[in-house]
Amino acid sequence: MSKILSREQILQQVTLKREEVEIPEWGGSVLVRELTAAERDSYENSLLETKKGLNGKPEIRPNLKNVKAKMASIVLIDEAGNRLFKDADALQLGNLSASALNRIVDVAERLSGLTKKDVEELEGNSESGQDEDSFSS
C-alpha cells in the first residue's frame, strides 16, 4: 500500500518535470518545464475574454492571440529552473519560428497533462466544452 502524505509533505513538493528540447531553428536546445496548477489556471484564463455581445449581454469568447508564445514565455527555464522570460516577452517570442514554438508548446502540454481535448475546449471547438455560464468573469 502507498504511503499517505501529510499536509506538510504535500506542500514541500516543489519539483516540476522538465525536459531538454532540441530547437534546430535556433541552433541549440532549451529547457521546458511543466506548468504549476496556478500557472495553468492563469494561462487558461488568458485564453478567454469577455466581450459585449450583439444582445448587449457579456459573452465569453476564445482569445487565441499569440497563444503559443504565451505558453513558451512561462515554461522556458534556465538550468537552475528560473523562468527565462516574463509574460510581457510573449510579444517578442511571437515573432520567432512557429515550428520552434510549436515544439516547445507540445512538450509543455505533455509535461503539464494538458490534453488535446482540454485545448479544444478552451478554443471553443469541442461540443463537450463548458458553456459560458460555467466560467467566472
N, C-alpha and C. Protein backbone atom coordinates (compact mmCIF):
# COMPACT_ATOMS: atom_id res chain seq x y z
N MET A 1 0.84 -1.18 0.00
CA MET A 1 0.00 0.00 0.00
C MET A 1 0.89 1.24 0.00
N SER A 2 0.45 2.27 -0.67
CA SER A 2 1.21 3.52 -0.77
C SER A 2 1.19 4.29 0.55
N LYS A 3 2.21 5.10 0.72
CA LYS A 3 2.32 5.97 1.89
C LYS A 3 1.34 7.14 1.75
N ILE A 4 0.59 7.40 2.79
CA ILE A 4 -0.33 8.54 2.81
C ILE A 4 0.48 9.79 3.19
N LEU A 5 0.44 10.80 2.34
CA LEU A 5 1.22 12.01 2.57
C LEU A 5 0.49 12.96 3.52
N SER A 6 1.27 13.65 4.34
CA SER A 6 0.72 14.66 5.23
C SER A 6 0.61 15.99 4.49
N ARG A 7 -0.04 16.94 5.08
CA ARG A 7 -0.16 18.29 4.53
C ARG A 7 1.22 18.88 4.27
N GLU A 8 2.10 18.76 5.26
CA GLU A 8 3.45 19.31 5.16
C GLU A 8 4.23 18.66 4.02
N GLN A 9 4.11 17.35 3.89
CA GLN A 9 4.82 16.64 2.82
C GLN A 9 4.32 17.08 1.45
N ILE A 10 3.04 17.28 1.33
CA ILE A 10 2.46 17.72 0.05
C ILE A 10 2.94 19.12 -0.29
N LEU A 11 2.89 20.03 0.68
CA LEU A 11 3.27 21.43 0.42
C LEU A 11 4.77 21.60 0.18
N GLN A 12 5.58 20.60 0.55
CA GLN A 12 7.02 20.67 0.31
C GLN A 12 7.39 20.26 -1.12
N GLN A 13 6.44 19.75 -1.87
CA GLN A 13 6.71 19.30 -3.23
C GLN A 13 6.93 20.50 -4.14
N VAL A 14 8.13 20.65 -4.62
CA VAL A 14 8.46 21.79 -5.48
C VAL A 14 9.08 21.36 -6.81
N THR A 15 9.27 20.08 -6.99
CA THR A 15 9.91 19.59 -8.20
C THR A 15 8.91 19.53 -9.34
N LEU A 16 9.25 20.20 -10.43
CA LEU A 16 8.43 20.17 -11.63
C LEU A 16 9.18 19.38 -12.70
N LYS A 17 8.43 18.63 -13.49
CA LYS A 17 9.06 17.88 -14.57
C LYS A 17 9.66 18.86 -15.57
N ARG A 18 10.77 18.48 -16.16
CA ARG A 18 11.43 19.31 -17.16
C ARG A 18 12.02 18.41 -18.23
N GLU A 19 12.23 19.00 -19.39
CA GLU A 19 12.77 18.23 -20.50
C GLU A 19 13.58 19.15 -21.41
N GLU A 20 14.71 18.65 -21.85
CA GLU A 20 15.51 19.39 -22.83
C GLU A 20 14.93 19.13 -24.21
N VAL A 21 14.75 20.20 -24.98
CA VAL A 21 14.14 20.11 -26.30
C VAL A 21 15.08 20.75 -27.32
N GLU A 22 15.43 19.98 -28.32
CA GLU A 22 16.28 20.47 -29.41
C GLU A 22 15.47 21.40 -30.30
N ILE A 23 16.02 22.59 -30.56
CA ILE A 23 15.36 23.57 -31.43
C ILE A 23 16.34 23.89 -32.57
N PRO A 24 16.29 23.10 -33.65
CA PRO A 24 17.25 23.31 -34.75
C PRO A 24 17.17 24.71 -35.35
N GLU A 25 15.98 25.29 -35.35
CA GLU A 25 15.82 26.64 -35.91
C GLU A 25 16.66 27.67 -35.15
N TRP A 26 16.95 27.40 -33.90
CA TRP A 26 17.70 28.32 -33.05
C TRP A 26 19.15 27.86 -32.84
N GLY A 27 19.48 26.69 -33.38
CA GLY A 27 20.86 26.20 -33.28
C GLY A 27 21.25 25.67 -31.91
N GLY A 28 20.30 25.14 -31.16
CA GLY A 28 20.61 24.60 -29.84
C GLY A 28 19.39 23.97 -29.21
N SER A 29 19.42 23.88 -27.88
CA SER A 29 18.30 23.28 -27.16
C SER A 29 17.85 24.22 -26.05
N VAL A 30 16.66 23.96 -25.55
CA VAL A 30 16.08 24.74 -24.46
C VAL A 30 15.57 23.79 -23.40
N LEU A 31 15.38 24.30 -22.19
CA LEU A 31 14.75 23.52 -21.13
C LEU A 31 13.30 23.97 -21.00
N VAL A 32 12.40 23.01 -21.03
CA VAL A 32 10.97 23.25 -20.90
C VAL A 32 10.50 22.54 -19.64
N ARG A 33 9.69 23.22 -18.84
CA ARG A 33 9.16 22.59 -17.63
C ARG A 33 7.63 22.59 -17.69
N GLU A 34 7.08 21.76 -16.83
CA GLU A 34 5.62 21.71 -16.74
C GLU A 34 5.09 22.96 -16.04
N LEU A 35 3.83 23.25 -16.26
CA LEU A 35 3.16 24.36 -15.60
C LEU A 35 2.80 23.98 -14.17
N THR A 36 2.81 24.95 -13.27
CA THR A 36 2.21 24.72 -11.95
C THR A 36 0.70 24.80 -12.13
N ALA A 37 -0.05 24.39 -11.15
CA ALA A 37 -1.51 24.47 -11.23
C ALA A 37 -1.97 25.93 -11.37
N ALA A 38 -1.34 26.83 -10.62
CA ALA A 38 -1.71 28.25 -10.70
C ALA A 38 -1.38 28.83 -12.07
N GLU A 39 -0.23 28.45 -12.63
CA GLU A 39 0.14 28.93 -13.97
C GLU A 39 -0.82 28.42 -15.02
N ARG A 40 -1.20 27.15 -14.89
CA ARG A 40 -2.14 26.58 -15.87
C ARG A 40 -3.48 27.32 -15.80
N ASP A 41 -3.98 27.57 -14.60
CA ASP A 41 -5.24 28.31 -14.46
C ASP A 41 -5.13 29.70 -15.06
N SER A 42 -4.04 30.39 -14.78
CA SER A 42 -3.83 31.73 -15.30
C SER A 42 -3.71 31.71 -16.83
N TYR A 43 -2.97 30.75 -17.36
CA TYR A 43 -2.81 30.60 -18.80
C TYR A 43 -4.17 30.35 -19.46
N GLU A 44 -4.91 29.40 -18.91
CA GLU A 44 -6.23 29.09 -19.48
C GLU A 44 -7.15 30.30 -19.42
N ASN A 45 -7.11 31.03 -18.32
CA ASN A 45 -7.93 32.23 -18.19
C ASN A 45 -7.54 33.28 -19.23
N SER A 46 -6.25 33.36 -19.56
CA SER A 46 -5.80 34.34 -20.55
C SER A 46 -6.30 34.01 -21.95
N LEU A 47 -6.78 32.79 -22.15
CA LEU A 47 -7.28 32.38 -23.46
C LEU A 47 -8.76 32.68 -23.64
N LEU A 48 -9.35 33.29 -22.64
CA LEU A 48 -10.77 33.66 -22.70
C LEU A 48 -10.91 35.15 -22.47
N GLU A 49 -11.84 35.75 -23.18
CA GLU A 49 -12.11 37.16 -22.97
C GLU A 49 -13.60 37.39 -22.97
N THR A 50 -14.02 38.36 -22.18
CA THR A 50 -15.43 38.71 -22.11
C THR A 50 -15.65 39.94 -22.97
N LYS A 51 -16.58 39.82 -23.90
CA LYS A 51 -16.91 40.95 -24.78
C LYS A 51 -18.42 41.13 -24.76
N LYS A 52 -18.85 42.33 -25.05
CA LYS A 52 -20.27 42.62 -25.13
C LYS A 52 -20.82 42.01 -26.41
N GLY A 53 -21.84 41.18 -26.26
CA GLY A 53 -22.46 40.52 -27.40
C GLY A 53 -23.44 41.42 -28.12
N LEU A 54 -23.98 40.93 -29.21
CA LEU A 54 -24.94 41.69 -30.01
C LEU A 54 -26.19 42.05 -29.21
N ASN A 55 -26.56 41.20 -28.28
CA ASN A 55 -27.75 41.45 -27.47
C ASN A 55 -27.43 42.30 -26.23
N GLY A 56 -26.20 42.79 -26.14
CA GLY A 56 -25.81 43.62 -25.01
C GLY A 56 -25.31 42.85 -23.82
N LYS A 57 -25.51 41.53 -23.81
CA LYS A 57 -25.05 40.69 -22.70
C LYS A 57 -23.59 40.31 -22.92
N PRO A 58 -22.85 40.16 -21.83
CA PRO A 58 -21.45 39.74 -21.98
C PRO A 58 -21.37 38.31 -22.52
N GLU A 59 -20.43 38.10 -23.43
CA GLU A 59 -20.18 36.78 -23.99
C GLU A 59 -18.71 36.44 -23.77
N ILE A 60 -18.46 35.19 -23.44
CA ILE A 60 -17.09 34.72 -23.28
C ILE A 60 -16.66 34.08 -24.59
N ARG A 61 -15.54 34.57 -25.12
CA ARG A 61 -15.03 34.09 -26.41
C ARG A 61 -13.57 33.69 -26.26
N PRO A 62 -13.11 32.80 -27.15
CA PRO A 62 -11.69 32.46 -27.13
C PRO A 62 -10.83 33.65 -27.52
N ASN A 63 -9.67 33.76 -26.89
CA ASN A 63 -8.68 34.77 -27.23
C ASN A 63 -7.38 34.03 -27.52
N LEU A 64 -7.17 33.68 -28.79
CA LEU A 64 -6.03 32.85 -29.14
C LEU A 64 -4.85 33.66 -29.67
N LYS A 65 -4.88 34.95 -29.45
CA LYS A 65 -3.81 35.82 -29.91
C LYS A 65 -2.50 35.47 -29.20
N ASN A 66 -1.50 35.09 -29.99
CA ASN A 66 -0.15 34.82 -29.50
C ASN A 66 -0.11 33.69 -28.47
N VAL A 67 -1.00 32.73 -28.60
CA VAL A 67 -1.17 31.67 -27.60
C VAL A 67 0.10 30.82 -27.41
N LYS A 68 0.78 30.48 -28.49
CA LYS A 68 1.98 29.64 -28.38
C LYS A 68 3.10 30.39 -27.64
N ALA A 69 3.26 31.67 -27.98
CA ALA A 69 4.31 32.47 -27.34
C ALA A 69 4.00 32.69 -25.86
N LYS A 70 2.72 32.83 -25.51
CA LYS A 70 2.35 32.98 -24.10
C LYS A 70 2.81 31.76 -23.30
N MET A 71 2.52 30.58 -23.86
CA MET A 71 2.92 29.35 -23.17
C MET A 71 4.44 29.26 -23.08
N ALA A 72 5.14 29.54 -24.18
CA ALA A 72 6.60 29.45 -24.18
C ALA A 72 7.21 30.39 -23.15
N SER A 73 6.65 31.57 -23.00
CA SER A 73 7.21 32.53 -22.04
C SER A 73 7.13 32.02 -20.61
N ILE A 74 6.18 31.15 -20.34
CA ILE A 74 6.01 30.60 -18.99
C ILE A 74 6.93 29.41 -18.74
N VAL A 75 7.10 28.55 -19.74
CA VAL A 75 7.73 27.25 -19.50
C VAL A 75 9.21 27.16 -19.83
N LEU A 76 9.76 28.15 -20.53
CA LEU A 76 11.19 28.11 -20.83
C LEU A 76 11.99 28.55 -19.61
N ILE A 77 12.94 27.71 -19.20
CA ILE A 77 13.69 27.95 -17.96
C ILE A 77 15.20 27.81 -18.20
N ASP A 78 15.97 28.32 -17.24
CA ASP A 78 17.41 28.11 -17.26
C ASP A 78 17.72 26.83 -16.48
N GLU A 79 18.99 26.49 -16.37
CA GLU A 79 19.37 25.24 -15.71
C GLU A 79 19.02 25.22 -14.23
N ALA A 80 18.90 26.39 -13.60
CA ALA A 80 18.53 26.47 -12.18
C ALA A 80 17.01 26.39 -11.99
N GLY A 81 16.25 26.38 -13.09
CA GLY A 81 14.80 26.29 -13.00
C GLY A 81 14.08 27.62 -13.01
N ASN A 82 14.82 28.71 -13.23
CA ASN A 82 14.22 30.04 -13.27
C ASN A 82 13.68 30.35 -14.66
N ARG A 83 12.54 31.03 -14.69
CA ARG A 83 11.97 31.42 -15.98
C ARG A 83 12.95 32.31 -16.74
N LEU A 84 13.05 32.08 -18.04
CA LEU A 84 13.89 32.91 -18.90
C LEU A 84 13.17 34.19 -19.31
N PHE A 85 11.85 34.15 -19.37
CA PHE A 85 11.07 35.26 -19.90
C PHE A 85 9.98 35.69 -18.94
N LYS A 86 9.58 36.93 -19.07
CA LYS A 86 8.43 37.46 -18.35
C LYS A 86 7.22 37.34 -19.27
N ASP A 87 6.03 37.47 -18.71
CA ASP A 87 4.82 37.39 -19.52
C ASP A 87 4.85 38.39 -20.67
N ALA A 88 5.36 39.59 -20.41
CA ALA A 88 5.40 40.64 -21.43
C ALA A 88 6.30 40.26 -22.61
N ASP A 89 7.23 39.33 -22.42
CA ASP A 89 8.12 38.91 -23.50
C ASP A 89 7.41 38.07 -24.57
N ALA A 90 6.18 37.66 -24.30
CA ALA A 90 5.44 36.84 -25.26
C ALA A 90 5.28 37.57 -26.59
N LEU A 91 5.17 38.89 -26.56
CA LEU A 91 5.04 39.63 -27.82
C LEU A 91 6.25 39.42 -28.71
N GLN A 92 7.45 39.49 -28.14
CA GLN A 92 8.67 39.26 -28.92
C GLN A 92 8.81 37.80 -29.33
N LEU A 93 8.49 36.89 -28.42
CA LEU A 93 8.57 35.46 -28.75
C LEU A 93 7.65 35.12 -29.91
N GLY A 94 6.53 35.80 -30.01
CA GLY A 94 5.57 35.56 -31.08
C GLY A 94 6.12 35.87 -32.47
N ASN A 95 7.22 36.58 -32.54
CA ASN A 95 7.84 36.89 -33.82
C ASN A 95 8.86 35.83 -34.25
N LEU A 96 9.04 34.80 -33.44
CA LEU A 96 10.00 33.75 -33.74
C LEU A 96 9.35 32.62 -34.51
N SER A 97 10.13 31.64 -34.87
CA SER A 97 9.70 30.50 -35.66
C SER A 97 8.50 29.78 -35.04
N ALA A 98 7.45 29.62 -35.85
CA ALA A 98 6.27 28.89 -35.39
C ALA A 98 6.61 27.43 -35.11
N SER A 99 7.47 26.84 -35.91
CA SER A 99 7.88 25.44 -35.70
C SER A 99 8.57 25.27 -34.36
N ALA A 100 9.45 26.20 -34.02
CA ALA A 100 10.16 26.14 -32.75
C ALA A 100 9.18 26.26 -31.58
N LEU A 101 8.29 27.24 -31.66
CA LEU A 101 7.32 27.44 -30.57
C LEU A 101 6.38 26.25 -30.46
N ASN A 102 5.96 25.69 -31.58
CA ASN A 102 5.09 24.50 -31.54
C ASN A 102 5.77 23.35 -30.82
N ARG A 103 7.06 23.15 -31.09
CA ARG A 103 7.81 22.07 -30.45
C ARG A 103 7.85 22.29 -28.93
N ILE A 104 8.09 23.52 -28.51
CA ILE A 104 8.14 23.86 -27.08
C ILE A 104 6.78 23.64 -26.42
N VAL A 105 5.73 24.12 -27.07
CA VAL A 105 4.38 24.02 -26.51
C VAL A 105 3.93 22.56 -26.44
N ASP A 106 4.25 21.77 -27.46
CA ASP A 106 3.88 20.35 -27.43
C ASP A 106 4.47 19.65 -26.20
N VAL A 107 5.73 19.94 -25.90
CA VAL A 107 6.38 19.33 -24.73
C VAL A 107 5.76 19.86 -23.44
N ALA A 108 5.54 21.17 -23.37
CA ALA A 108 4.94 21.76 -22.17
C ALA A 108 3.55 21.19 -21.89
N GLU A 109 2.76 21.03 -22.94
CA GLU A 109 1.41 20.47 -22.76
C GLU A 109 1.49 19.03 -22.27
N ARG A 110 2.39 18.24 -22.84
CA ARG A 110 2.54 16.84 -22.41
C ARG A 110 3.00 16.76 -20.95
N LEU A 111 4.02 17.56 -20.60
CA LEU A 111 4.52 17.54 -19.23
C LEU A 111 3.47 18.01 -18.22
N SER A 112 2.60 18.91 -18.65
CA SER A 112 1.60 19.51 -17.76
C SER A 112 0.28 18.76 -17.74
N GLY A 113 0.19 17.70 -18.53
CA GLY A 113 -1.05 16.93 -18.58
C GLY A 113 -2.18 17.67 -19.27
N LEU A 114 -1.84 18.61 -20.14
CA LEU A 114 -2.83 19.37 -20.90
C LEU A 114 -3.10 18.58 -22.17
N THR A 115 -4.30 18.02 -22.27
CA THR A 115 -4.62 17.15 -23.39
C THR A 115 -5.19 17.94 -24.57
N LYS A 116 -5.25 17.28 -25.71
CA LYS A 116 -5.83 17.89 -26.91
C LYS A 116 -7.29 18.29 -26.64
N LYS A 117 -8.01 17.47 -25.89
CA LYS A 117 -9.40 17.79 -25.55
C LYS A 117 -9.48 19.07 -24.71
N ASP A 118 -8.55 19.23 -23.75
CA ASP A 118 -8.51 20.44 -22.93
C ASP A 118 -8.33 21.67 -23.81
N VAL A 119 -7.39 21.58 -24.76
CA VAL A 119 -7.10 22.70 -25.64
C VAL A 119 -8.31 23.01 -26.51
N GLU A 120 -8.97 21.98 -27.05
CA GLU A 120 -10.15 22.19 -27.89
C GLU A 120 -11.27 22.86 -27.10
N GLU A 121 -11.45 22.46 -25.85
CA GLU A 121 -12.49 23.07 -25.02
C GLU A 121 -12.20 24.54 -24.79
N LEU A 122 -10.93 24.87 -24.55
CA LEU A 122 -10.56 26.27 -24.35
C LEU A 122 -10.77 27.09 -25.61
N GLU A 123 -10.52 26.48 -26.76
CA GLU A 123 -10.68 27.18 -28.03
C GLU A 123 -12.13 27.25 -28.46
N GLY A 124 -13.01 26.52 -27.76
CA GLY A 124 -14.42 26.53 -28.12
C GLY A 124 -14.74 25.61 -29.29
N ASN A 125 -13.85 24.66 -29.59
CA ASN A 125 -14.03 23.76 -30.73
C ASN A 125 -14.64 22.42 -30.34
N SER A 126 -14.86 22.21 -29.06
CA SER A 126 -15.33 20.91 -28.60
C SER A 126 -16.77 21.03 -28.13
N GLU A 127 -17.61 20.08 -28.58
CA GLU A 127 -19.00 20.09 -28.15
C GLU A 127 -19.13 19.75 -26.67
N SER A 128 -18.12 19.10 -26.10
CA SER A 128 -18.17 18.74 -24.69
C SER A 128 -17.62 19.84 -23.80
N GLY A 129 -17.29 20.99 -24.39
CA GLY A 129 -16.74 22.10 -23.62
C GLY A 129 -17.77 22.69 -22.68
N GLN A 130 -17.29 23.50 -21.74
CA GLN A 130 -18.16 24.14 -20.78
C GLN A 130 -18.94 25.23 -21.47
N ASP A 131 -20.18 25.43 -21.01
CA ASP A 131 -20.92 26.56 -21.56
C ASP A 131 -20.48 27.82 -20.85
N GLU A 132 -20.81 28.96 -21.45
CA GLU A 132 -20.24 30.22 -20.95
C GLU A 132 -20.67 30.57 -19.53
N ASP A 133 -21.78 30.01 -19.05
CA ASP A 133 -22.22 30.31 -17.69
C ASP A 133 -21.32 29.65 -16.66
N SER A 134 -20.50 28.66 -17.07
CA SER A 134 -19.67 27.98 -16.09
C SER A 134 -18.34 28.67 -15.84
N PHE A 135 -18.02 29.71 -16.61
CA PHE A 135 -16.79 30.46 -16.38
C PHE A 135 -17.11 31.69 -15.55
N SER A 136 -16.20 32.04 -14.66
CA SER A 136 -16.39 33.28 -13.91
C SER A 136 -15.69 34.40 -14.64
N SER A 137 -16.22 35.61 -14.56
CA SER A 137 -15.58 36.71 -15.27
C SER A 137 -14.95 37.68 -14.31
